[in-house]
Amino acid sequence: LLKEYSEGLVAFTACIAGEVPQLILQGQHEAARKAALWYKEIFG
């Protein structure tokens, strides 16, 4: 759905409960970086 309806939207990684912050907390830096790059691809 995010891919389909991303136009005209600004996106943030959110609070502690966000996907990227949670991956950082779990020590998964590379997974967090990849997730961030996916959102960058969608929202530019």
PDB file of all heavy atoms in Angstrom:
ATOM      1  N   LEU A   1       0.824  -1.215   0.000  1.00  0.00           N
ATOM      2  CA  LEU A   1       0.000   0.000   0.000  1.00  0.00           C
ATOM      3  C   LEU A   1       0.859   1.266   0.000  1.00  0.00           C
ATOM      4  O   LEU A   1       0.504   2.257  -0.642  1.00  0.00           O
ATOM      5  CB  LEU A   1      -0.932  -0.002   1.211  1.00  0.00           C
ATOM      6  CG  LEU A   1      -2.159  -0.918   1.138  1.00  0.00           C
ATOM      7  CD1 LEU A   1      -3.006  -0.774   2.393  1.00  0.00           C
ATOM      8  CD2 LEU A   1      -2.994  -0.627  -0.099  1.00  0.00           C
ATOM      9  N   LEU A   2       1.973   1.243   0.723  1.00  0.00           N
ATOM     10  CA  LEU A   2       2.847   2.416   0.743  1.00  0.00           C
ATOM     11  C   LEU A   2       3.379   2.732  -0.654  1.00  0.00           C
ATOM     12  O   LEU A   2       3.464   3.899  -1.049  1.00  0.00           O
ATOM     13  CB  LEU A   2       4.014   2.201   1.712  1.00  0.00           C
ATOM     14  CG  LEU A   2       3.668   2.213   3.203  1.00  0.00           C
ATOM     15  CD1 LEU A   2       4.903   1.885   4.034  1.00  0.00           C
ATOM     16  CD2 LEU A   2       3.089   3.556   3.637  1.00  0.00           C
ATOM     17  N   LYS A   3       3.720   1.701  -1.408  1.00  0.00           N
ATOM     18  CA  LYS A   3       4.178   1.906  -2.790  1.00  0.00           C
ATOM     19  C   LYS A   3       3.079   2.549  -3.630  1.00  0.00           C
ATOM     20  O   LYS A   3       3.328   3.447  -4.428  1.00  0.00           O
ATOM     21  CB  LYS A   3       4.560   0.563  -3.428  1.00  0.00           C
ATOM     22  CG  LYS A   3       5.913   0.011  -3.025  1.00  0.00           C
ATOM     23  CD  LYS A   3       6.161  -1.290  -3.793  1.00  0.00           C
ATOM     24  CE  LYS A   3       7.468  -1.939  -3.383  1.00  0.00           C
ATOM     25  NZ  LYS A   3       7.677  -3.230  -4.108  1.00  0.00           N
ATOM     26  N   GLU A   4       1.855   2.078  -3.440  1.00  0.00           N
ATOM     27  CA  GLU A   4       0.738   2.532  -4.266  1.00  0.00           C
ATOM     28  C   GLU A   4       0.328   3.966  -3.957  1.00  0.00           C
ATOM     29  O   GLU A   4      -0.084   4.711  -4.861  1.00  0.00           O
ATOM     30  CB  GLU A   4      -0.454   1.595  -4.061  1.00  0.00           C
ATOM     31  CG  GLU A   4      -1.619   1.874  -4.982  1.00  0.00           C
ATOM     32  CD  GLU A   4      -2.746   0.859  -4.822  1.00  0.00           C
ATOM     33  OE1 GLU A   4      -2.557  -0.152  -4.101  1.00  0.00           O
ATOM     34  OE2 GLU A   4      -3.823   1.087  -5.404  1.00  0.00           O
ATOM     35  N   TYR A   5       0.455   4.382  -2.692  1.00  0.00           N
ATOM     36  CA  TYR A   5      -0.077   5.684  -2.277  1.00  0.00           C
ATOM     37  C   TYR A   5       0.987   6.603  -1.672  1.00  0.00           C
ATOM     38  O   TYR A   5       0.714   7.348  -0.744  1.00  0.00           O
ATOM     39  CB  TYR A   5      -1.200   5.478  -1.262  1.00  0.00           C
ATOM     40  CG  TYR A   5      -2.411   4.767  -1.815  1.00  0.00           C
ATOM     41  CD1 TYR A   5      -2.685   3.449  -1.469  1.00  0.00           C
ATOM     42  CD2 TYR A   5      -3.283   5.415  -2.690  1.00  0.00           C
ATOM     43  CE1 TYR A   5      -3.795   2.791  -1.963  1.00  0.00           C
ATOM     44  CE2 TYR A   5      -4.405   4.770  -3.195  1.00  0.00           C
ATOM     45  CZ  TYR A   5      -4.650   3.451  -2.832  1.00  0.00           C
ATOM     46  OH  TYR A   5      -5.740   2.803  -3.345  1.00  0.00           O
ATOM     47  N   SER A   6       2.191   6.578  -2.202  1.00  0.00           N
ATOM     48  CA  SER A   6       3.279   7.368  -1.612  1.00  0.00           C
ATOM     49  C   SER A   6       3.345   8.805  -2.132  1.00  0.00           C
ATOM     50  O   SER A   6       3.947   9.674  -1.487  1.00  0.00           O
ATOM     51  CB  SER A   6       4.625   6.685  -1.884  1.00  0.00           C
ATOM     52  OG  SER A   6       4.856   6.598  -3.281  1.00  0.00           O
ATOM     53  N   GLU A   7       2.728   9.065  -3.250  1.00  0.00           N
ATOM     54  CA  GLU A   7       2.849  10.392  -3.870  1.00  0.00           C
ATOM     55  C   GLU A   7       2.282  11.488  -2.967  1.00  0.00           C
ATOM     56  O   GLU A   7       1.218  11.343  -2.372  1.00  0.00           O
ATOM     57  CB  GLU A   7       2.132  10.426  -5.223  1.00  0.00           C
ATOM     58  CG  GLU A   7       2.360  11.722  -5.991  1.00  0.00           C
ATOM     59  CD  GLU A   7       1.629  11.760  -7.326  1.00  0.00           C
ATOM     60  OE1 GLU A   7       1.069  10.726  -7.734  1.00  0.00           O
ATOM     61  OE2 GLU A   7       1.612  12.840  -7.953  1.00  0.00           O
ATOM     62  N   GLY A   8       3.031  12.576  -2.845  1.00  0.00           N
ATOM     63  CA  GLY A   8       2.564  13.719  -2.067  1.00  0.00           C
ATOM     64  C   GLY A   8       2.720  13.575  -0.574  1.00  0.00           C
ATOM     65  O   GLY A   8       2.218  14.401   0.188  1.00  0.00           O
ATOM     66  N   LEU A   9       3.429  12.516  -0.136  1.00  0.00           N
ATOM     67  CA  LEU A   9       3.598  12.280   1.296  1.00  0.00           C
ATOM     68  C   LEU A   9       5.052  12.439   1.723  1.00  0.00           C
ATOM     69  O   LEU A   9       5.974  12.105   0.987  1.00  0.00           O
ATOM     70  CB  LEU A   9       3.116  10.870   1.667  1.00  0.00           C
ATOM     71  CG  LEU A   9       1.613  10.616   1.537  1.00  0.00           C
ATOM     72  CD1 LEU A   9       1.309   9.154   1.796  1.00  0.00           C
ATOM     73  CD2 LEU A   9       0.835  11.507   2.499  1.00  0.00           C
ATOM     74  N   VAL A  10       5.224  12.943   2.936  1.00  0.00           N
ATOM     75  CA  VAL A  10       6.518  12.998   3.607  1.00  0.00           C
ATOM     76  C   VAL A  10       6.502  11.913   4.681  1.00  0.00           C
ATOM     77  O   VAL A  10       5.494  11.758   5.385  1.00  0.00           O
ATOM     78  CB  VAL A  10       6.750  14.378   4.261  1.00  0.00           C
ATOM     79  CG1 VAL A  10       8.078  14.404   5.016  1.00  0.00           C
ATOM     80  CG2 VAL A  10       6.713  15.473   3.203  1.00  0.00           C
ATOM     81  N   ALA A  11       7.592  11.151   4.803  1.00  0.00           N
ATOM     82  CA  ALA A  11       7.634  10.043   5.761  1.00  0.00           C
ATOM     83  C   ALA A  11       8.802  10.198   6.726  1.00  0.00           C
ATOM     84  O   ALA A  11       9.892  10.623   6.330  1.00  0.00           O
ATOM     85  CB  ALA A  11       7.735   8.710   5.028  1.00  0.00           C
ATOM     86  N   PHE A  12       8.560   9.854   8.000  1.00  0.00           N
ATOM     87  CA  PHE A  12       9.595   9.823   9.046  1.00  0.00           C
ATOM     88  C   PHE A  12       9.673   8.407   9.622  1.00  0.00           C
ATOM     89  O   PHE A  12       8.678   7.687   9.651  1.00  0.00           O
ATOM     90  CB  PHE A  12       9.258  10.744  10.224  1.00  0.00           C
ATOM     91  CG  PHE A  12       9.076  12.197   9.898  1.00  0.00           C
ATOM     92  CD1 PHE A  12       8.479  13.029  10.831  1.00  0.00           C
ATOM     93  CD2 PHE A  12       9.488  12.737   8.696  1.00  0.00           C
ATOM     94  CE1 PHE A  12       8.299  14.382  10.574  1.00  0.00           C
ATOM     95  CE2 PHE A  12       9.306  14.088   8.431  1.00  0.00           C
ATOM     96  CZ  PHE A  12       8.708  14.911   9.366  1.00  0.00           C
ATOM     97  N   THR A  13      10.819   8.069  10.185  1.00  0.00           N
ATOM     98  CA  THR A  13      11.001   6.738  10.784  1.00  0.00           C
ATOM     99  C   THR A  13      10.243   6.566  12.098  1.00  0.00           C
ATOM    100  O   THR A  13      10.201   5.460  12.634  1.00  0.00           O
ATOM    101  CB  THR A  13      12.486   6.450  11.037  1.00  0.00           C
ATOM    102  OG1 THR A  13      13.082   7.572  11.712  1.00  0.00           O
ATOM    103  CG2 THR A  13      13.223   6.194   9.739  1.00  0.00           C
ATOM    104  N   ALA A  14       9.676   7.618  12.636  1.00  0.00           N
ATOM    105  CA  ALA A  14       8.841   7.570  13.851  1.00  0.00           C
ATOM    106  C   ALA A  14       9.671   7.387  15.124  1.00  0.00           C
ATOM    107  O   ALA A  14      10.884   7.602  15.141  1.00  0.00           O
ATOM    108  CB  ALA A  14       7.751   6.511  13.741  1.00  0.00           C
ATOM    109  N   CYS A  15       8.972   6.994  16.192  1.00  0.00           N
ATOM    110  CA  CYS A  15       9.564   6.910  17.526  1.00  0.00           C
ATOM    111  C   CYS A  15      10.308   5.581  17.706  1.00  0.00           C
ATOM    112  O   CYS A  15      10.656   4.909  16.733  1.00  0.00           O
ATOM    113  CB  CYS A  15       8.457   7.045  18.571  1.00  0.00           C
ATOM    114  SG  CYS A  15       7.142   5.812  18.338  1.00  0.00           S
ATOM    115  N   ILE A  16      10.522   5.179  18.942  1.00  0.00           N
ATOM    116  CA  ILE A  16      11.194   3.913  19.238  1.00  0.00           C
ATOM    117  C   ILE A  16      10.517   2.743  18.534  1.00  0.00           C
ATOM    118  O   ILE A  16      11.166   1.769  18.159  1.00  0.00           O
ATOM    119  CB  ILE A  16      11.217   3.668  20.766  1.00  0.00           C
ATOM    120  CG1 ILE A  16      12.262   4.574  21.427  1.00  0.00           C
ATOM    121  CG2 ILE A  16      11.510   2.216  21.101  1.00  0.00           C
ATOM    122  CD1 ILE A  16      12.335   4.418  22.919  1.00  0.00           C
ATOM    123  N   ALA A  17       9.198   2.827  18.333  1.00  0.00           N
ATOM    124  CA  ALA A  17       8.437   1.719  17.757  1.00  0.00           C
ATOM    125  C   ALA A  17       8.524   1.651  16.235  1.00  0.00           C
ATOM    126  O   ALA A  17       7.893   0.795  15.622  1.00  0.00           O
ATOM    127  CB  ALA A  17       6.976   1.814  18.187  1.00  0.00           C
ATOM    128  N   GLY A  18       9.296   2.533  15.607  1.00  0.00           N
ATOM    129  CA  GLY A  18       9.459   2.489  14.161  1.00  0.00           C
ATOM    130  C   GLY A  18      10.303   1.298  13.720  1.00  0.00           C
ATOM    131  O   GLY A  18      11.073   0.735  14.505  1.00  0.00           O
ATOM    132  N   GLU A  19      10.198   0.924  12.459  1.00  0.00           N
ATOM    133  CA  GLU A  19      10.946  -0.232  11.935  1.00  0.00           C
ATOM    134  C   GLU A  19      12.449  -0.025  12.021  1.00  0.00           C
ATOM    135  O   GLU A  19      13.173  -0.883  12.537  1.00  0.00           O
ATOM    136  CB  GLU A  19      10.530  -0.498  10.481  1.00  0.00           C
ATOM    137  CG  GLU A  19      11.271  -1.680   9.858  1.00  0.00           C
ATOM    138  CD  GLU A  19      10.903  -1.921   8.407  1.00  0.00           C
ATOM    139  OE1 GLU A  19      10.025  -1.194   7.873  1.00  0.00           O
ATOM    140  OE2 GLU A  19      11.492  -2.838   7.792  1.00  0.00           O
ATOM    141  N   VAL A  20      12.925   1.100  11.529  1.00  0.00           N
ATOM    142  CA  VAL A  20      14.376   1.361  11.537  1.00  0.00           C
ATOM    143  C   VAL A  20      14.910   1.487  12.965  1.00  0.00           C
ATOM    144  O   VAL A  20      15.921   0.854  13.302  1.00  0.00           O
ATOM    145  CB  VAL A  20      14.707   2.614  10.690  1.00  0.00           C
ATOM    146  CG1 VAL A  20      16.195   2.949  10.773  1.00  0.00           C
ATOM    147  CG2 VAL A  20      14.302   2.389   9.228  1.00  0.00           C
ATOM    148  N   PRO A  21      14.255   2.260  13.853  1.00  0.00           N
ATOM    149  CA  PRO A  21      14.729   2.312  15.247  1.00  0.00           C
ATOM    150  C   PRO A  21      14.763   0.945  15.926  1.00  0.00           C
ATOM    151  O   PRO A  21      15.707   0.644  16.670  1.00  0.00           O
ATOM    152  CB  PRO A  21      13.698   3.233  15.925  1.00  0.00           C
ATOM    153  CG  PRO A  21      13.238   4.131  14.839  1.00  0.00           C
ATOM    154  CD  PRO A  21      13.187   3.261  13.617  1.00  0.00           C
ATOM    155  N   GLN A  22      13.770   0.102  15.668  1.00  0.00           N
ATOM    156  CA  GLN A  22      13.755  -1.217  16.297  1.00  0.00           C
ATOM    157  C   GLN A  22      14.918  -2.082  15.817  1.00  0.00           C
ATOM    158  O   GLN A  22      15.532  -2.815  16.594  1.00  0.00           O
ATOM    159  CB  GLN A  22      12.422  -1.917  16.027  1.00  0.00           C
ATOM    160  CG  GLN A  22      11.304  -1.488  16.950  1.00  0.00           C
ATOM    161  CD  GLN A  22      11.556  -1.876  18.399  1.00  0.00           C
ATOM    162  OE1 GLN A  22      11.791  -3.036  18.717  1.00  0.00           O
ATOM    163  NE2 GLN A  22      11.540  -0.888  19.288  1.00  0.00           N
ATOM    164  N   LEU A  23      15.231  -2.019  14.546  1.00  0.00           N
ATOM    165  CA  LEU A  23      16.366  -2.782  14.013  1.00  0.00           C
ATOM    166  C   LEU A  23      17.680  -2.290  14.608  1.00  0.00           C
ATOM    167  O   LEU A  23      18.576  -3.089  14.912  1.00  0.00           O
ATOM    168  CB  LEU A  23      16.388  -2.681  12.486  1.00  0.00           C
ATOM    169  CG  LEU A  23      15.281  -3.448  11.757  1.00  0.00           C
ATOM    170  CD1 LEU A  23      15.234  -3.064  10.285  1.00  0.00           C
ATOM    171  CD2 LEU A  23      15.471  -4.951  11.913  1.00  0.00           C
ATOM    172  N   ILE A  24      17.791  -0.992  14.825  1.00  0.00           N
ATOM    173  CA  ILE A  24      18.993  -0.440  15.466  1.00  0.00           C
ATOM    174  C   ILE A  24      19.111  -0.980  16.886  1.00  0.00           C
ATOM    175  O   ILE A  24      20.196  -1.408  17.320  1.00  0.00           O
ATOM    176  CB  ILE A  24      18.957   1.101  15.467  1.00  0.00           C
ATOM    177  CG1 ILE A  24      19.109   1.640  14.041  1.00  0.00           C
ATOM    178  CG2 ILE A  24      20.042   1.679  16.380  1.00  0.00           C
ATOM    179  CD1 ILE A  24      18.856   3.120  13.912  1.00  0.00           C
ATOM    180  N   LEU A  25      17.995  -0.979  17.621  1.00  0.00           N
ATOM    181  CA  LEU A  25      18.001  -1.496  18.993  1.00  0.00           C
ATOM    182  C   LEU A  25      18.415  -2.963  19.049  1.00  0.00           C
ATOM    183  O   LEU A  25      19.055  -3.407  20.005  1.00  0.00           O
ATOM    184  CB  LEU A  25      16.615  -1.340  19.615  1.00  0.00           C
ATOM    185  CG  LEU A  25      16.311  -0.062  20.391  1.00  0.00           C
ATOM    186  CD1 LEU A  25      14.947  -0.184  21.063  1.00  0.00           C
ATOM    187  CD2 LEU A  25      17.375   0.238  21.423  1.00  0.00           C
ATOM    188  N   GLN A  26      18.052  -3.718  18.026  1.00  0.00           N
ATOM    189  CA  GLN A  26      18.380  -5.138  17.974  1.00  0.00           C
ATOM    190  C   GLN A  26      19.800  -5.395  17.484  1.00  0.00           C
ATOM    191  O   GLN A  26      20.214  -6.541  17.343  1.00  0.00           O
ATOM    192  CB  GLN A  26      17.379  -5.863  17.069  1.00  0.00           C
ATOM    193  CG  GLN A  26      15.949  -5.857  17.598  1.00  0.00           C
ATOM    194  CD  GLN A  26      14.920  -6.184  16.531  1.00  0.00           C
ATOM    195  OE1 GLN A  26      15.258  -6.688  15.456  1.00  0.00           O
ATOM    196  NE2 GLN A  26      13.656  -5.881  16.816  1.00  0.00           N
ATOM    197  N   GLY A  27      20.539  -4.315  17.221  1.00  0.00           N
ATOM    198  CA  GLY A  27      21.914  -4.461  16.760  1.00  0.00           C
ATOM    199  C   GLY A  27      22.036  -4.832  15.293  1.00  0.00           C
ATOM    200  O   GLY A  27      23.101  -5.234  14.833  1.00  0.00           O
ATOM    201  N   GLN A  28      20.954  -4.683  14.550  1.00  0.00           N
ATOM    202  CA  GLN A  28      20.955  -5.059  13.130  1.00  0.00           C
ATOM    203  C   GLN A  28      21.148  -3.812  12.259  1.00  0.00           C
ATOM    204  O   GLN A  28      20.240  -3.355  11.564  1.00  0.00           O
ATOM    205  CB  GLN A  28      19.650  -5.765  12.778  1.00  0.00           C
ATOM    206  CG  GLN A  28      19.397  -7.037  13.571  1.00  0.00           C
ATOM    207  CD  GLN A  28      18.146  -7.747  13.111  1.00  0.00           C
ATOM    208  OE1 GLN A  28      17.967  -8.040  11.927  1.00  0.00           O
ATOM    209  NE2 GLN A  28      17.243  -8.017  14.056  1.00  0.00           N
ATOM    210  N   HIS A  29      22.349  -3.262  12.293  1.00  0.00           N
ATOM    211  CA  HIS A  29      22.614  -1.997  11.612  1.00  0.00           C
ATOM    212  C   HIS A  29      22.408  -2.119  10.104  1.00  0.00           C
ATOM    213  O   HIS A  29      21.823  -1.237   9.475  1.00  0.00           O
ATOM    214  CB  HIS A  29      24.032  -1.523  11.903  1.00  0.00           C
ATOM    215  CG  HIS A  29      24.373  -0.215  11.238  1.00  0.00           C
ATOM    216  ND1 HIS A  29      24.007   1.000  11.756  1.00  0.00           N
ATOM    217  CD2 HIS A  29      25.013   0.056  10.065  1.00  0.00           C
ATOM    218  CE1 HIS A  29      24.413   1.974  10.955  1.00  0.00           C
ATOM    219  NE2 HIS A  29      25.031   1.419   9.915  1.00  0.00           N
ATOM    220  N   GLU A  30      22.897  -3.198   9.499  1.00  0.00           N
ATOM    221  CA  GLU A  30      22.779  -3.348   8.057  1.00  0.00           C
ATOM    222  C   GLU A  30      21.322  -3.486   7.636  1.00  0.00           C
ATOM    223  O   GLU A  30      20.892  -2.910   6.635  1.00  0.00           O
ATOM    224  CB  GLU A  30      23.580  -4.562   7.581  1.00  0.00           C
ATOM    225  CG  GLU A  30      23.599  -4.771   6.070  1.00  0.00           C
ATOM    226  CD  GLU A  30      24.114  -3.558   5.289  1.00  0.00           C
ATOM    227  OE1 GLU A  30      24.896  -2.755   5.863  1.00  0.00           O
ATOM    228  OE2 GLU A  30      23.725  -3.397   4.114  1.00  0.00           O
ATOM    229  N   ALA A  31      20.536  -4.237   8.412  1.00  0.00           N
ATOM    230  CA  ALA A  31      19.109  -4.371   8.116  1.00  0.00           C
ATOM    231  C   ALA A  31      18.393  -3.027   8.266  1.00  0.00           C
ATOM    232  O   ALA A  31      17.502  -2.694   7.477  1.00  0.00           O
ATOM    233  CB  ALA A  31      18.472  -5.411   9.036  1.00  0.00           C
ATOM    234  N   ALA A  32      18.799  -2.253   9.274  1.00  0.00           N
ATOM    235  CA  ALA A  32      18.218  -0.922   9.472  1.00  0.00           C
ATOM    236  C   ALA A  32      18.548  -0.011   8.294  1.00  0.00           C
ATOM    237  O   ALA A  32      17.691   0.738   7.809  1.00  0.00           O
ATOM    238  CB  ALA A  32      18.738  -0.313  10.772  1.00  0.00           C
ATOM    239  N   ARG A  33      19.775  -0.093   7.817  1.00  0.00           N
ATOM    240  CA  ARG A  33      20.194   0.730   6.669  1.00  0.00           C
ATOM    241  C   ARG A  33      19.403   0.349   5.415  1.00  0.00           C
ATOM    242  O   ARG A  33      18.950   1.217   4.665  1.00  0.00           O
ATOM    243  CB  ARG A  33      21.691   0.556   6.433  1.00  0.00           C
ATOM    244  CG  ARG A  33      22.297   1.559   5.448  1.00  0.00           C
ATOM    245  CD  ARG A  33      23.798   1.337   5.304  1.00  0.00           C
ATOM    246  NE  ARG A  33      24.047   0.117   4.555  1.00  0.00           N
ATOM    247  CZ  ARG A  33      24.090   0.052   3.217  1.00  0.00           C
ATOM    248  NH1 ARG A  33      23.903   1.146   2.501  1.00  0.00           N
ATOM    249  NH2 ARG A  33      24.319  -1.076   2.605  1.00  0.00           N
ATOM    250  N   LYS A  34      19.219  -0.959   5.203  1.00  0.00           N
ATOM    251  CA  LYS A  34      18.472  -1.423   4.036  1.00  0.00           C
ATOM    252  C   LYS A  34      17.012  -0.991   4.109  1.00  0.00           C
ATOM    253  O   LYS A  34      16.412  -0.605   3.100  1.00  0.00           O
ATOM    254  CB  LYS A  34      18.568  -2.948   3.923  1.00  0.00           C
ATOM    255  CG  LYS A  34      19.920  -3.443   3.417  1.00  0.00           C
ATOM    256  CD  LYS A  34      19.933  -4.963   3.284  1.00  0.00           C
ATOM    257  CE  LYS A  34      21.267  -5.450   2.745  1.00  0.00           C
ATOM    258  NZ  LYS A  34      21.319  -6.934   2.644  1.00  0.00           N
ATOM    259  N   ALA A  35      16.431  -1.070   5.310  1.00  0.00           N
ATOM    260  CA  ALA A  35      15.044  -0.624   5.478  1.00  0.00           C
ATOM    261  C   ALA A  35      14.918   0.867   5.176  1.00  0.00           C
ATOM    262  O   ALA A  35      13.980   1.301   4.494  1.00  0.00           O
ATOM    263  CB  ALA A  35      14.568  -0.928   6.895  1.00  0.00           C
ATOM    264  N   ALA A  36      15.867   1.655   5.667  1.00  0.00           N
ATOM    265  CA  ALA A  36      15.848   3.097   5.413  1.00  0.00           C
ATOM    266  C   ALA A  36      15.959   3.386   3.916  1.00  0.00           C
ATOM    267  O   ALA A  36      15.269   4.264   3.380  1.00  0.00           O
ATOM    268  CB  ALA A  36      16.988   3.774   6.174  1.00  0.00           C
ATOM    269  N   LEU A  37      16.817   2.631   3.229  1.00  0.00           N
ATOM    270  CA  LEU A  37      16.988   2.831   1.786  1.00  0.00           C
ATOM    271  C   LEU A  37      15.719   2.441   1.022  1.00  0.00           C
ATOM    272  O   LEU A  37      15.412   3.035  -0.012  1.00  0.00           O
ATOM    273  CB  LEU A  37      18.190   2.037   1.279  1.00  0.00           C
ATOM    274  CG  LEU A  37      19.552   2.609   1.677  1.00  0.00           C
ATOM    275  CD1 LEU A  37      20.663   1.640   1.314  1.00  0.00           C
ATOM    276  CD2 LEU A  37      19.787   3.969   1.017  1.00  0.00           C
ATOM    277  N   TRP A  38      14.984   1.441   1.532  1.00  0.00           N
ATOM    278  CA  TRP A  38      13.719   1.074   0.872  1.00  0.00           C
ATOM    279  C   TRP A  38      12.730   2.235   0.976  1.00  0.00           C
ATOM    280  O   TRP A  38      12.087   2.599  -0.014  1.00  0.00           O
ATOM    281  CB  TRP A  38      13.112  -0.173   1.525  1.00  0.00           C
ATOM    282  CG  TRP A  38      11.876  -0.629   0.815  1.00  0.00           C
ATOM    283  CD1 TRP A  38      11.802  -1.466  -0.261  1.00  0.00           C
ATOM    284  CD2 TRP A  38      10.524  -0.218   1.094  1.00  0.00           C
ATOM    285  NE1 TRP A  38      10.493  -1.615  -0.667  1.00  0.00           N
ATOM    286  CE2 TRP A  38       9.684  -0.867   0.146  1.00  0.00           C
ATOM    287  CE3 TRP A  38       9.943   0.608   2.049  1.00  0.00           C
ATOM    288  CZ2 TRP A  38       8.301  -0.687   0.139  1.00  0.00           C
ATOM    289  CZ3 TRP A  38       8.566   0.789   2.031  1.00  0.00           C
ATOM    290  CH2 TRP A  38       7.751   0.145   1.089  1.00  0.00           C
ATOM    291  N   TYR A  39      12.617   2.826   2.158  1.00  0.00           N
ATOM    292  CA  TYR A  39      11.709   3.956   2.322  1.00  0.00           C
ATOM    293  C   TYR A  39      12.164   5.152   1.477  1.00  0.00           C
ATOM    294  O   TYR A  39      11.342   5.879   0.915  1.00  0.00           O
ATOM    295  CB  TYR A  39      11.612   4.363   3.797  1.00  0.00           C
ATOM    296  CG  TYR A  39      10.784   3.417   4.624  1.00  0.00           C
ATOM    297  CD1 TYR A  39      11.370   2.556   5.557  1.00  0.00           C
ATOM    298  CD2 TYR A  39       9.399   3.363   4.473  1.00  0.00           C
ATOM    299  CE1 TYR A  39      10.604   1.669   6.312  1.00  0.00           C
ATOM    300  CE2 TYR A  39       8.622   2.487   5.226  1.00  0.00           C
ATOM    301  CZ  TYR A  39       9.231   1.653   6.142  1.00  0.00           C
ATOM    302  OH  TYR A  39       8.468   0.774   6.874  1.00  0.00           O
ATOM    303  N   LYS A  40      13.475   5.332   1.362  1.00  0.00           N
ATOM    304  CA  LYS A  40      13.997   6.423   0.529  1.00  0.00           C
ATOM    305  C   LYS A  40      13.620   6.192  -0.930  1.00  0.00           C
ATOM    306  O   LYS A  40      13.285   7.137  -1.659  1.00  0.00           O
ATOM    307  CB  LYS A  40      15.513   6.521   0.668  1.00  0.00           C
ATOM    308  CG  LYS A  40      16.131   7.660  -0.138  1.00  0.00           C
ATOM    309  CD  LYS A  40      17.640   7.709  -0.002  1.00  0.00           C
ATOM    310  CE  LYS A  40      18.221   8.870  -0.801  1.00  0.00           C
ATOM    311  NZ  LYS A  40      19.700   8.918  -0.697  1.00  0.00           N
ATOM    312  N   GLU A  41      13.676   4.936  -1.365  1.00  0.00           N
ATOM    313  CA  GLU A  41      13.294   4.607  -2.740  1.00  0.00           C
ATOM    314  C   GLU A  41      11.829   4.930  -2.990  1.00  0.00           C
ATOM    315  O   GLU A  41      11.452   5.411  -4.058  1.00  0.00           O
ATOM    316  CB  GLU A  41      13.557   3.120  -2.999  1.00  0.00           C
ATOM    317  CG  GLU A  41      13.212   2.664  -4.409  1.00  0.00           C
ATOM    318  CD  GLU A  41      13.411   1.174  -4.608  1.00  0.00           C
ATOM    319  OE1 GLU A  41      14.080   0.545  -3.776  1.00  0.00           O
ATOM    320  OE2 GLU A  41      12.873   0.645  -5.597  1.00  0.00           O
ATOM    321  N   ILE A  42      10.974   4.680  -1.995  1.00  0.00           N
ATOM    322  CA  ILE A  42       9.540   4.907  -2.155  1.00  0.00           C
ATOM    323  C   ILE A  42       9.185   6.389  -2.056  1.00  0.00           C
ATOM    324  O   ILE A  42       8.406   6.917  -2.853  1.00  0.00           O
ATOM    325  CB  ILE A  42       8.741   4.115  -1.097  1.00  0.00           C
ATOM    326  CG1 ILE A  42       8.972   2.615  -1.270  1.00  0.00           C
ATOM    327  CG2 ILE A  42       7.250   4.439  -1.179  1.00  0.00           C
ATOM    328  CD1 ILE A  42       8.626   2.068  -2.641  1.00  0.00           C
ATOM    329  N   PHE A  43       9.765   7.093  -1.078  1.00  0.00           N
ATOM    330  CA  PHE A  43       9.386   8.486  -0.817  1.00  0.00           C
ATOM    331  C   PHE A  43      10.395   9.508  -1.358  1.00  0.00           C
ATOM    332  O   PHE A  43      10.153  10.711  -1.265  1.00  0.00           O
ATOM    333  CB  PHE A  43       9.189   8.693   0.686  1.00  0.00           C
ATOM    334  CG  PHE A  43       8.029   7.933   1.253  1.00  0.00           C
ATOM    335  CD1 PHE A  43       8.213   6.726   1.922  1.00  0.00           C
ATOM    336  CD2 PHE A  43       6.736   8.398   1.100  1.00  0.00           C
ATOM    337  CE1 PHE A  43       7.148   6.014   2.444  1.00  0.00           C
ATOM    338  CE2 PHE A  43       5.646   7.693   1.617  1.00  0.00           C
ATOM    339  CZ  PHE A  43       5.860   6.490   2.277  1.00  0.00           C
ATOM    340  N   GLY A  44      11.522   9.025  -1.876  1.00  0.00           N
ATOM    341  CA  GLY A  44      12.513   9.921  -2.456  1.00  0.00           C
ATOM    342  C   GLY A  44      13.073  10.897  -1.434  1.00  0.00           C
ATOM    343  O   GLY A  44      13.391  10.530  -0.301  1.00  0.00           O
TER     344      GLY A  44
END
